[in-house]
């Protein structure tokens, strides 16, 4: 019994000593993060074992990179590369999209062409310098939402994944991927279909961080070109030369340290062709058109988001800028702008069509077109149109923001002759000299927009396609009525409709 008690006493002493030692050791081991140490070494050996079992590496190209504030150029280039024969050769399920340009600048065969690409969950092999790689397309669906419109607004997170053997790592990363991007850019240029965009009234991201498009688009098929634009020939040539100089000005803008952009201000009475001028500019340069609806943009931050999501080789259009927002007053202070970008509301800010208020400020718009953010992208035109240039803030239309100002005026005789040849036939002026002389005299006394002159010259019956006399007579009558109304006092518009005096 005594021996047993002695043994228990010795054991208890030993346990106490071990406990004290372990406590001291554990306290010191905590300083070196023992758990992370074992986890790190375990993961290293696990990766080596996995590489021995599966020696393939992968590279993922997500549609939106980083903070996803801007779509990924690499994703678009890979997508375009995979539309080639290499990317569609062995694929059983394909996606078809329209491509090949717009009606105004593409042959019929090109307009009917479809651009084929891999559908989701498809895989295709590619060979580059003896190395075989595999491309696959996938997407992560958005979270489910009980609100139908919000569920529809969310977009899938699409991505492409490239798998290859680790022995080809240097070849793939240093040679193959640059080749894919270069080839993808070439294919994008070849299959490019010009588009007309408008901004959507919603934020770019939802509460779960899923991206939602801020632009929606349709094909840009406007038929107006400079050849069909009624304008003084010398003035038209000046505009075309300016556009050509801008398009070739990448090296110049880089040399002088200016963003590759240019501002155009189109001003003049209604119906003088400001919108058709934009279409002619887009067709001449072969650029996309972004039509900004400022009344649906809530804050200056949202305006910058829209800018970031515009692409190069585009025209950003702000039509009737004097009516879109209250841009005639003084610029706000920093405290007022911060309030507008937050939850505060400006009672003077014009509400949009849905009753919400736009807090975009003049200062925010100025920074948008000429601040640091304006350099996010290149080869872009910024076009403002207005019927009342005198109402705009001088800071908005100064050189550097609006570099070229184009006055779209009422129809003159040179424009009339152009419209007569276009709506009727060549030689019409010479064949109907007396009527055309009368039109010339009346146009010097009466203001009429080119669109109204063109409407009067448009044949109303099949016989008028052969005999232009009735069309010219109709125009002369309209001009004489307008002249008489002016003589009697009340102002009239180009169609002879009396404009009532509002007392202002």
Protein backbone atom coordinates (compact mmCIF):
# COMPACT_ATOMS: atom_id res chain seq x y z
CA UNK A 1 0.00 0.00 0.00
CA UNK A 2 2.82 2.35 0.88
CA UNK A 3 4.54 1.53 -2.37
CA UNK A 4 1.34 2.31 -4.32
CA UNK A 5 0.94 5.66 -2.59
CA UNK A 6 4.58 6.46 -3.31
CA UNK A 7 4.08 5.63 -6.98
CA UNK A 8 0.99 7.88 -7.23
CA UNK A 9 2.93 10.69 -5.56
CA UNK A 10 5.79 10.42 -8.04
CA UNK A 11 3.34 10.28 -10.96
CA UNK A 12 1.51 13.40 -9.80
CA UNK A 13 4.77 15.27 -9.50
CA UNK A 14 5.75 14.20 -13.02
CA UNK A 15 2.36 15.27 -14.45
CA UNK A 16 2.67 18.64 -12.74
CA UNK A 17 6.15 19.15 -14.19
CA UNK A 18 4.96 18.15 -17.68
CA UNK A 19 1.94 20.47 -17.40
CA UNK A 20 4.12 23.42 -16.45
CA UNK A 21 6.56 22.65 -19.28
CA UNK A 22 3.78 22.25 -21.86
CA UNK A 23 2.19 25.53 -20.77
CA UNK A 24 5.48 27.34 -21.24
CA UNK A 25 6.12 25.67 -24.59
CA UNK A 26 2.55 26.31 -25.85
CA UNK A 27 2.73 29.98 -24.96
CA UNK A 28 5.90 30.33 -27.00
CA UNK A 29 4.55 28.25 -29.90
CA UNK A 30 1.55 30.56 -30.15
CA UNK A 31 3.89 33.38 -31.12
CA UNK A 32 4.94 31.48 -34.23
CA UNK A 33 1.33 30.63 -35.26
CA UNK A 34 1.65 26.88 -34.94
CA UNK A 35 -1.62 26.18 -36.74
CA UNK A 36 -0.63 28.22 -39.78
CA UNK A 37 2.81 26.59 -39.75
CA UNK A 38 1.41 23.06 -39.95
CA UNK A 39 -1.30 24.12 -42.44
CA UNK A 40 1.22 25.77 -44.74
CA UNK A 41 3.53 22.79 -44.80
CA UNK A 42 0.63 20.40 -45.26
CA UNK A 43 -0.70 22.43 -48.21
CA UNK A 44 2.72 22.47 -49.86
CA UNK A 45 2.95 18.71 -49.76
CA UNK A 46 -0.69 18.38 -50.83
CA UNK A 47 -0.03 20.56 -53.88
CA UNK A 48 3.00 18.48 -54.81
CA UNK A 49 0.92 15.33 -54.54
CA UNK A 50 -1.88 16.91 -56.61
CA UNK A 51 0.63 17.98 -59.29
CA UNK A 52 1.87 14.42 -59.53
CA UNK A 53 -1.68 13.15 -59.95
CA UNK A 54 -2.98 16.03 -62.15
CA UNK A 55 -0.14 17.96 -63.87
CA UNK A 56 -2.49 20.49 -65.56
CA UNK A 57 -2.68 24.20 -64.86
CA UNK A 58 -5.48 26.65 -65.63
CA UNK A 59 -5.95 30.36 -66.35
CA UNK A 60 -9.36 32.01 -65.87
CA UNK A 61 -10.57 35.06 -67.82
CA UNK A 62 -13.52 36.64 -66.04
CA UNK A 63 -15.89 39.05 -67.77
CA UNK A 64 -15.32 41.69 -65.10
CA UNK A 65 -11.92 41.98 -63.52
CA UNK A 66 -10.76 43.44 -60.22
CA UNK A 67 -13.54 45.48 -58.65
CA UNK A 68 -15.58 44.81 -61.80
CA UNK A 69 -16.07 48.51 -62.41
CA UNK A 70 -15.13 47.91 -66.05
CA UNK A 71 -15.58 44.93 -68.35
CA UNK A 72 -12.43 42.97 -69.13
CA UNK A 73 -10.75 43.58 -72.48
CA UNK A 74 -8.97 40.21 -72.18
CA UNK A 75 -12.34 38.42 -71.85
CA UNK A 76 -13.65 40.10 -75.02
CA UNK A 77 -10.45 39.24 -76.91
CA UNK A 78 -10.61 35.58 -75.87
CA UNK A 79 -14.28 35.45 -76.81
CA UNK A 80 -13.49 36.86 -80.26
CA UNK A 81 -10.55 34.48 -80.72
CA UNK A 82 -12.83 31.53 -79.97
CA UNK A 83 -15.23 32.58 -82.75
CA UNK A 84 -12.65 31.53 -85.33
CA UNK A 85 -12.55 28.07 -86.89
CA UNK A 86 -10.16 26.96 -84.13
CA UNK A 87 -12.70 27.84 -81.46
CA UNK A 88 -15.78 26.35 -83.13
CA UNK A 89 -14.39 23.35 -85.02
CA UNK A 90 -15.33 20.57 -82.56
CA UNK A 91 -18.05 22.34 -80.57
CA UNK A 92 -21.48 20.73 -80.67
CA UNK A 93 -23.44 23.67 -79.19
CA UNK A 94 -22.83 27.16 -80.54
CA UNK A 95 -24.10 30.66 -79.85
CA UNK A 96 -24.99 32.83 -82.86
CA UNK A 97 -24.73 36.61 -82.85
CA UNK A 98 -25.16 39.18 -85.59
CA UNK A 99 -22.00 40.74 -86.95
CA UNK A 100 -20.34 42.23 -89.96
CA UNK A 101 -21.14 45.93 -89.69
CA UNK A 102 -24.25 48.03 -90.18
CA UNK A 103 -26.50 48.73 -93.10
CA UNK A 104 -24.69 51.92 -94.02
CA UNK A 105 -21.20 50.49 -94.42
CA UNK A 106 -21.47 46.75 -95.07
CA UNK A 107 -22.34 44.63 -98.06
CA UNK A 108 -25.48 42.51 -97.93
CA UNK A 109 -23.47 39.30 -97.54
CA UNK A 110 -21.61 40.75 -94.54
CA UNK A 111 -24.83 41.91 -92.89
CA UNK A 112 -26.26 38.39 -93.14
CA UNK A 113 -23.16 36.82 -91.60
CA UNK A 114 -23.43 35.25 -88.14
CA UNK A 115 -20.64 35.19 -85.57
CA UNK A 116 -20.50 31.76 -83.90
CA UNK A 117 -19.00 31.11 -80.47
CA UNK A 118 -19.00 28.41 -77.82
CA UNK A 119 -22.10 27.98 -75.70
CA UNK A 120 -21.83 27.60 -71.94
CA UNK A 121 -20.32 24.33 -70.65
CA UNK A 122 -18.63 23.57 -73.98
CA UNK A 123 -14.93 22.75 -74.39
CA UNK A 124 -12.60 22.94 -77.39
CA UNK A 125 -8.94 22.06 -77.94
CA UNK A 126 -6.37 24.29 -79.61
CA UNK A 127 -2.82 23.53 -80.73
CA UNK A 128 0.01 26.07 -80.62
CA UNK A 129 3.59 25.16 -81.55
CA UNK A 130 3.00 21.52 -80.72
CA UNK A 131 1.33 22.20 -77.37
CA UNK A 132 -2.34 21.27 -76.91
CA UNK A 133 -4.51 23.46 -74.71
CA UNK A 134 -8.22 23.33 -73.85
CA UNK A 135 -10.69 26.23 -73.66
CA UNK A 136 -13.99 25.94 -71.79
CA UNK A 137 -16.85 28.42 -71.33
CA UNK A 138 -18.80 28.66 -68.08
CA UNK A 139 -20.91 31.04 -66.04
CA UNK A 140 -21.95 31.43 -62.43
CA UNK A 141 -25.71 32.10 -62.17
CA UNK A 142 -26.86 35.08 -60.10
CA UNK A 143 -28.44 34.51 -56.67
CA UNK A 144 -32.15 33.84 -56.64
CA UNK A 145 -34.37 36.75 -55.75
CA UNK A 146 -38.07 36.87 -55.01
CA UNK A 147 -38.38 40.22 -56.78
CA UNK A 148 -38.82 39.40 -60.47
CA UNK A 149 -37.48 42.65 -61.97
CA UNK A 150 -34.38 42.54 -59.76
CA UNK A 151 -33.76 38.90 -60.61
CA UNK A 152 -34.00 39.70 -64.32
CA UNK A 153 -31.60 42.64 -63.95
CA UNK A 154 -28.77 40.53 -62.60
CA UNK A 155 -26.29 39.18 -65.08
CA UNK A 156 -24.38 35.90 -64.93
CA UNK A 157 -20.70 35.98 -64.11
CA UNK A 158 -19.28 34.57 -67.33
CA UNK A 159 -15.71 33.38 -67.74
CA UNK A 160 -13.40 31.34 -69.97
CA UNK A 161 -10.92 28.84 -68.57
CA UNK A 162 -7.73 27.69 -70.28
CA UNK A 163 -6.22 24.34 -69.22
CA UNK A 164 -2.74 23.21 -70.23
CA UNK A 165 0.06 20.88 -69.11
CA UNK A 166 2.53 22.40 -66.66
CA UNK A 167 5.42 21.52 -69.00
CA UNK A 168 4.01 24.12 -71.44
CA UNK A 169 3.70 26.84 -68.81
CA UNK A 170 6.25 29.27 -70.28
CA UNK A 171 5.04 28.73 -73.85
CA UNK A 172 1.41 29.35 -72.94
CA UNK A 173 1.93 32.37 -70.70
CA UNK A 174 4.65 34.11 -72.72
CA UNK A 175 3.68 33.30 -76.32
CA UNK A 176 0.28 31.68 -76.69
CA UNK A 177 -1.81 34.12 -74.62
CA UNK A 178 -0.32 37.24 -76.31
CA UNK A 179 -1.07 35.53 -79.65
CA UNK A 180 -4.68 34.94 -78.55
CA UNK A 181 -5.14 38.58 -77.56
CA UNK A 182 -3.66 39.93 -80.80
CA UNK A 183 -5.74 37.57 -82.92
CA UNK A 184 -8.83 38.36 -80.84
CA UNK A 185 -8.44 42.10 -81.47
CA UNK A 186 -8.17 41.46 -85.21
CA UNK A 187 -11.33 39.34 -85.17
CA UNK A 188 -13.18 41.99 -83.14
CA UNK A 189 -12.34 44.60 -85.76
CA UNK A 190 -13.43 42.26 -88.56
CA UNK A 191 -16.75 41.22 -86.98
CA UNK A 192 -17.51 44.55 -85.34
CA UNK A 193 -21.10 45.70 -85.63
CA UNK A 194 -21.56 49.35 -84.80
CA UNK A 195 -24.11 50.02 -82.08
CA UNK A 196 -26.33 52.76 -80.69
CA UNK A 197 -26.28 52.68 -76.88
CA UNK A 198 -28.50 54.25 -74.25
CA UNK A 199 -28.00 54.17 -70.51
CA UNK A 200 -30.26 52.07 -68.27
CA UNK A 201 -31.88 53.52 -65.16
CA UNK A 202 -30.21 51.34 -62.52
CA UNK A 203 -26.95 50.94 -60.67
CA UNK A 204 -24.11 48.86 -62.02
CA UNK A 205 -24.10 46.38 -59.10
CA UNK A 206 -26.68 44.84 -56.83
CA UNK A 207 -26.39 44.16 -53.10
CA UNK A 208 -24.62 40.85 -53.70
CA UNK A 209 -21.91 42.38 -55.85
CA UNK A 210 -23.27 40.95 -59.11
CA UNK A 211 -22.76 43.18 -62.10
CA UNK A 212 -25.70 44.65 -63.97
CA UNK A 213 -25.27 46.26 -67.36
CA UNK A 214 -25.52 50.05 -67.40
CA UNK A 215 -25.90 50.26 -71.20
CA UNK A 216 -28.33 48.64 -73.59
CA UNK A 217 -27.93 48.81 -77.35
CA UNK A 218 -29.38 48.25 -80.81
CA UNK A 219 -27.51 48.02 -84.14
CA UNK A 220 -26.61 51.43 -85.51
CA UNK A 221 -28.21 51.50 -88.96
CA UNK A 222 -28.75 55.19 -89.57
CA UNK A 223 -28.43 55.84 -93.34
CA UNK A 224 -27.33 59.49 -93.14
CA UNK A 225 -23.86 60.24 -94.48
CA UNK A 226 -22.10 63.46 -95.38
CA UNK A 227 -22.95 62.79 -99.02
CA UNK A 228 -26.62 63.06 -98.07
CA UNK A 229 -26.29 65.98 -95.65
CA UNK A 230 -27.63 69.36 -96.80
CA UNK A 231 -24.95 71.87 -95.85
CA UNK A 232 -22.66 74.43 -97.41
CA UNK A 233 -19.98 72.37 -99.23
CA UNK A 234 -17.08 74.39 -97.80
CA UNK A 235 -18.39 74.02 -94.26
CA UNK A 236 -18.99 70.32 -94.79
CA UNK A 237 -15.44 69.80 -96.05
CA UNK A 238 -14.08 71.67 -93.02
CA UNK A 239 -15.92 69.30 -90.68
CA UNK A 240 -14.80 66.18 -92.58
CA UNK A 241 -11.18 67.34 -92.55
CA UNK A 242 -11.39 67.99 -88.81
CA UNK A 243 -12.79 64.50 -88.18
CA UNK A 244 -10.09 62.89 -90.33
CA UNK A 245 -7.39 64.82 -88.49
CA UNK A 246 -8.79 63.65 -85.15
CA UNK A 247 -8.94 60.02 -86.24
CA UNK A 248 -5.27 60.11 -87.25
CA UNK A 249 -4.19 62.07 -84.17
CA UNK A 250 -3.13 59.34 -81.75
CA UNK A 251 0.56 60.17 -81.97
CA UNK A 252 -0.10 63.91 -81.71
CA UNK A 253 -2.26 63.61 -78.58
CA UNK A 254 0.31 61.33 -76.97
CA UNK A 255 3.14 63.74 -77.81
CA UNK A 256 1.44 66.79 -76.30
CA UNK A 257 0.01 64.88 -73.32
CA UNK A 258 -3.70 65.26 -74.13
CA UNK A 259 -6.41 62.60 -73.85
CA UNK A 260 -7.38 61.40 -77.30
CA UNK A 261 -10.81 63.02 -77.34
CA UNK A 262 -12.48 66.03 -78.95
CA UNK A 263 -15.58 68.04 -78.10
CA UNK A 264 -18.15 69.21 -80.65
CA UNK A 265 -20.94 71.70 -79.94
CA UNK A 266 -23.80 71.60 -82.48
CA UNK A 267 -26.13 74.53 -82.00
CA UNK A 268 -28.96 76.01 -84.00
CA UNK A 269 -32.77 76.17 -84.29
CA UNK A 270 -34.89 72.99 -84.24
CA UNK A 271 -34.93 71.01 -87.48
CA UNK A 272 -31.57 72.23 -88.75
CA UNK A 273 -29.97 68.76 -88.74
CA UNK A 274 -28.05 68.45 -85.46
CA UNK A 275 -29.00 64.82 -84.86
CA UNK A 276 -28.43 63.86 -88.49
CA UNK A 277 -25.02 65.52 -88.27
CA UNK A 278 -24.16 63.13 -85.41
CA UNK A 279 -25.25 60.18 -87.55
CA UNK A 280 -23.13 61.40 -90.47
CA UNK A 281 -20.12 61.80 -88.17
CA UNK A 282 -20.58 58.27 -86.80
CA UNK A 283 -20.87 56.76 -90.28
CA UNK A 284 -17.84 58.68 -91.52
CA UNK A 285 -15.63 57.60 -88.61
CA UNK A 286 -17.30 54.16 -88.23
CA UNK A 287 -17.76 54.78 -84.50
CA UNK A 288 -20.37 53.55 -82.02
CA UNK A 289 -22.80 56.11 -80.58
CA UNK A 290 -23.59 56.47 -76.86
CA UNK A 291 -26.74 58.52 -76.31
CA UNK A 292 -26.60 59.84 -72.73
CA UNK A 293 -29.93 60.42 -70.98
CA UNK A 294 -28.75 62.63 -68.14
CA UNK A 295 -32.13 62.89 -66.42
CA UNK A 296 -31.90 59.19 -65.51
CA UNK A 297 -28.41 59.51 -63.99
CA UNK A 298 -28.72 60.03 -60.25
CA UNK A 299 -25.26 61.21 -59.16
CA UNK A 300 -21.89 62.31 -60.49
CA UNK A 301 -20.50 58.93 -59.44
CA UNK A 302 -23.04 57.15 -61.65
CA UNK A 303 -22.05 59.42 -64.52
CA UNK A 304 -18.43 58.30 -64.11
CA UNK A 305 -19.56 54.64 -64.12
CA UNK A 306 -21.23 55.23 -67.47
CA UNK A 307 -18.08 56.84 -68.83
CA UNK A 308 -15.91 53.92 -67.75
CA UNK A 309 -18.20 51.45 -69.52
CA UNK A 310 -17.98 53.27 -72.88
CA UNK A 311 -15.58 51.85 -75.42
CA UNK A 312 -13.02 53.52 -77.63
CA UNK A 313 -13.94 54.56 -81.18
CA UNK A 314 -17.22 56.05 -80.03
CA UNK A 315 -19.24 59.26 -79.99
CA UNK A 316 -20.80 60.29 -76.68
CA UNK A 317 -23.89 62.39 -77.44
CA UNK A 318 -25.73 64.72 -75.05
CA UNK A 319 -28.75 65.94 -76.99
CA UNK A 320 -30.50 69.16 -75.93
CA UNK A 321 -27.97 69.64 -73.16
CA UNK A 322 -29.70 72.84 -72.04
CA UNK A 323 -32.92 70.87 -71.38
CA UNK A 324 -31.39 67.73 -69.86
CA UNK A 325 -30.28 69.33 -66.58
CA UNK A 326 -30.15 72.72 -64.94
CA UNK A 327 -26.68 73.66 -66.16
CA UNK A 328 -27.11 77.39 -66.33
CA UNK A 329 -26.51 78.33 -62.72
CA UNK A 330 -23.39 78.63 -60.61
CA UNK A 331 -21.28 75.61 -59.88
CA UNK A 332 -21.76 74.10 -56.44
CA UNK A 333 -19.34 74.09 -53.58
CA UNK A 334 -17.52 70.94 -52.53
CA UNK A 335 -19.86 70.51 -49.53
CA UNK A 336 -22.93 70.80 -51.74
CA UNK A 337 -21.55 68.26 -54.25
CA UNK A 338 -20.75 65.80 -51.46
CA UNK A 339 -24.32 66.17 -50.25
CA UNK A 340 -25.66 65.54 -53.74
CA UNK A 341 -23.52 62.43 -54.14
CA UNK A 342 -24.96 61.13 -50.90
CA UNK A 343 -28.52 60.99 -49.67
CA UNK A 344 -29.20 64.70 -49.89
CA UNK A 345 -31.52 66.12 -52.50
CA UNK A 346 -31.34 69.38 -54.37
CA UNK A 347 -34.83 70.91 -54.61
CA UNK A 348 -33.79 72.80 -57.75
CA UNK A 349 -32.63 69.65 -59.55
CA UNK A 350 -34.93 68.58 -62.36
CA UNK A 351 -36.77 65.28 -61.70
CA UNK A 352 -36.65 62.56 -64.29
CA UNK A 353 -39.60 60.86 -65.93
CA UNK A 354 -40.03 58.34 -63.12
CA UNK A 355 -40.16 60.94 -60.38
CA UNK A 356 -36.67 60.42 -58.99
CA UNK A 357 -34.28 63.33 -58.90
CA UNK A 358 -31.01 63.68 -60.75
CA UNK A 359 -28.22 65.17 -58.67
CA UNK A 360 -25.70 65.45 -61.50
CA UNK A 361 -24.09 68.86 -61.17
CA UNK A 362 -22.44 71.18 -63.63
CA UNK A 363 -19.12 70.60 -61.90
CA UNK A 364 -19.61 66.84 -62.19
CA UNK A 365 -20.34 67.13 -65.90
CA UNK A 366 -17.27 69.35 -66.42
CA UNK A 367 -15.04 66.81 -64.69
CA UNK A 368 -16.65 64.06 -66.75
CA UNK A 369 -15.70 65.62 -70.08
CA UNK A 370 -12.43 67.31 -69.15
CA UNK A 371 -11.20 65.97 -65.81
CA UNK A 372 -9.02 63.05 -64.78
CA UNK A 373 -11.74 60.53 -65.61
CA UNK A 374 -11.98 61.77 -69.20
CA UNK A 375 -8.68 59.98 -69.93
CA UNK A 376 -10.27 56.56 -69.22
CA UNK A 377 -10.40 55.49 -72.84
CA UNK A 378 -9.29 57.00 -76.12
CA UNK A 379 -10.46 57.98 -79.62
CA UNK A 380 -13.80 59.39 -78.48
CA UNK A 381 -15.86 62.40 -79.49
CA UNK A 382 -18.06 64.25 -77.02
CA UNK A 383 -20.97 65.98 -78.79
CA UNK A 384 -23.40 68.45 -77.22
CA UNK A 385 -26.46 69.65 -79.13
CA UNK A 386 -28.57 72.61 -78.10
CA UNK A 387 -31.17 74.98 -79.52
CA UNK A 388 -30.07 77.78 -77.18
CA UNK A 389 -26.30 78.04 -76.94
CA UNK A 390 -26.59 81.33 -75.06
CA UNK A 391 -28.19 79.52 -72.10
CA UNK A 392 -25.18 77.26 -71.47
CA UNK A 393 -22.56 78.04 -68.85
CA UNK A 394 -19.44 79.52 -70.43
CA UNK A 395 -17.26 76.93 -68.66
CA UNK A 396 -19.13 74.14 -70.43
CA UNK A 397 -18.50 75.39 -73.96
CA UNK A 398 -14.97 76.78 -73.65
CA UNK A 399 -12.17 75.47 -75.87
CA UNK A 400 -10.73 72.32 -74.37
CA UNK A 401 -14.19 71.01 -73.59
CA UNK A 402 -16.04 71.94 -76.76
CA UNK A 403 -13.15 72.26 -79.22
CA UNK A 404 -15.22 72.84 -82.34
CA UNK A 405 -18.49 74.76 -82.46
CA UNK A 406 -20.73 74.16 -85.48
CA UNK A 407 -23.73 76.35 -86.13
CA UNK A 408 -26.56 74.49 -87.84
CA UNK A 409 -28.47 77.26 -89.56
CA UNK A 410 -31.66 77.63 -91.58
CA UNK A 411 -31.78 76.49 -95.17
CA UNK A 412 -29.96 78.67 -97.71
CA UNK A 413 -30.03 78.41 -101.51
CA UNK A 414 -27.00 76.09 -101.70
CA UNK A 415 -28.65 73.72 -99.26
CA UNK A 416 -31.90 73.97 -101.21
CA UNK A 417 -30.17 72.94 -104.45
CA UNK A 418 -28.64 69.95 -102.69
CA UNK A 419 -32.03 68.93 -101.26
CA UNK A 420 -33.74 69.39 -104.62
CA UNK A 421 -31.26 67.10 -106.38
CA UNK A 422 -31.50 64.52 -103.59
CA UNK A 423 -35.31 64.47 -103.25
CA UNK A 424 -36.10 64.91 -106.94
CA UNK A 425 -33.37 64.40 -109.56
CA UNK A 426 -30.21 65.90 -110.99
CA UNK A 427 -30.77 68.88 -113.22
CA UNK A 428 -33.98 69.93 -111.48
CA UNK A 429 -32.63 73.42 -110.76
CA UNK A 430 -31.77 74.01 -114.40
CA UNK A 431 -35.07 72.58 -115.66
CA UNK A 432 -37.18 74.77 -113.35
CA UNK A 433 -35.10 77.92 -113.29
CA UNK A 434 -37.98 80.34 -112.65
CA UNK A 435 -39.35 78.44 -109.64
CA UNK A 436 -35.87 77.98 -108.19
CA UNK A 437 -35.13 81.69 -108.56
CA UNK A 438 -38.32 82.40 -106.64
CA UNK A 439 -37.26 79.95 -103.91
CA UNK A 440 -33.87 81.70 -103.70
CA UNK A 441 -35.49 85.10 -103.23
CA UNK A 442 -37.88 83.80 -100.56
CA UNK A 443 -35.15 81.97 -98.60
CA UNK A 444 -33.34 85.31 -98.26
CA UNK A 445 -36.43 86.73 -96.51
CA UNK A 446 -37.85 83.72 -94.63
CA UNK A 447 -36.23 81.29 -92.21
CA UNK A 448 -37.10 77.65 -92.89
CA UNK A 449 -35.35 74.61 -91.50
CA UNK A 450 -33.79 72.14 -93.98
CA UNK A 451 -36.04 69.36 -92.68
CA UNK A 452 -39.12 71.40 -93.60
CA UNK A 453 -37.74 72.25 -97.05
CA UNK A 454 -37.07 68.55 -97.62
CA UNK A 455 -40.60 67.65 -96.55
CA UNK A 456 -42.12 70.06 -99.09
CA UNK A 457 -39.83 68.67 -101.81
CA UNK A 458 -40.78 65.07 -101.08
CA UNK A 459 -43.00 63.72 -103.90
CA UNK A 460 -46.57 63.02 -102.73
CA UNK A 461 -47.67 61.12 -105.82
CA UNK A 462 -45.97 58.85 -108.41
CA UNK A 463 -46.24 61.50 -111.12
CA UNK A 464 -44.18 63.92 -109.04
CA UNK A 465 -41.14 61.64 -109.36
CA UNK A 466 -41.05 62.55 -113.06
CA UNK A 467 -42.24 66.16 -112.88
CA UNK A 468 -40.67 68.18 -110.06
CA UNK A 469 -42.90 71.20 -110.75
CA UNK A 470 -45.61 70.36 -108.16
CA UNK A 471 -43.02 69.82 -105.41
CA UNK A 472 -41.31 73.14 -106.13
CA UNK A 473 -44.69 74.87 -106.31
CA UNK A 474 -45.60 73.43 -102.91
CA UNK A 475 -42.37 74.78 -101.43
CA UNK A 476 -42.89 78.23 -102.99
CA UNK A 477 -46.41 78.37 -101.55
CA UNK A 478 -45.17 77.45 -98.07
CA UNK A 479 -42.44 80.08 -98.21
CA UNK A 480 -44.88 82.76 -99.40
CA UNK A 481 -47.30 81.90 -96.60
CA UNK A 482 -44.47 82.10 -94.09
CA UNK A 483 -43.42 85.47 -95.51
CA UNK A 484 -46.96 86.78 -95.24
CA UNK A 485 -47.30 85.61 -91.66
CA UNK A 486 -44.07 87.37 -90.80
CA UNK A 487 -45.34 90.56 -92.42
CA UNK A 488 -48.56 90.40 -90.41
CA UNK A 489 -46.67 90.16 -87.14
CA UNK A 490 -46.81 86.76 -85.34
CA UNK A 491 -43.80 84.54 -85.68
CA UNK A 492 -44.20 81.23 -87.51
CA UNK A 493 -42.16 78.09 -87.60
CA UNK A 494 -40.81 76.42 -90.73
CA UNK A 495 -44.14 74.74 -91.52
CA UNK A 496 -46.16 77.93 -91.32
CA UNK A 497 -47.59 77.21 -87.85
CA UNK A 498 -48.10 80.32 -85.76
CA UNK A 499 -45.98 80.45 -82.63
CA UNK A 500 -48.02 82.17 -79.94
CA UNK A 501 -46.39 84.78 -77.76
CA UNK A 502 -46.05 83.52 -74.19
CA UNK A 503 -45.46 86.98 -72.81
CA UNK A 504 -41.75 86.52 -72.09
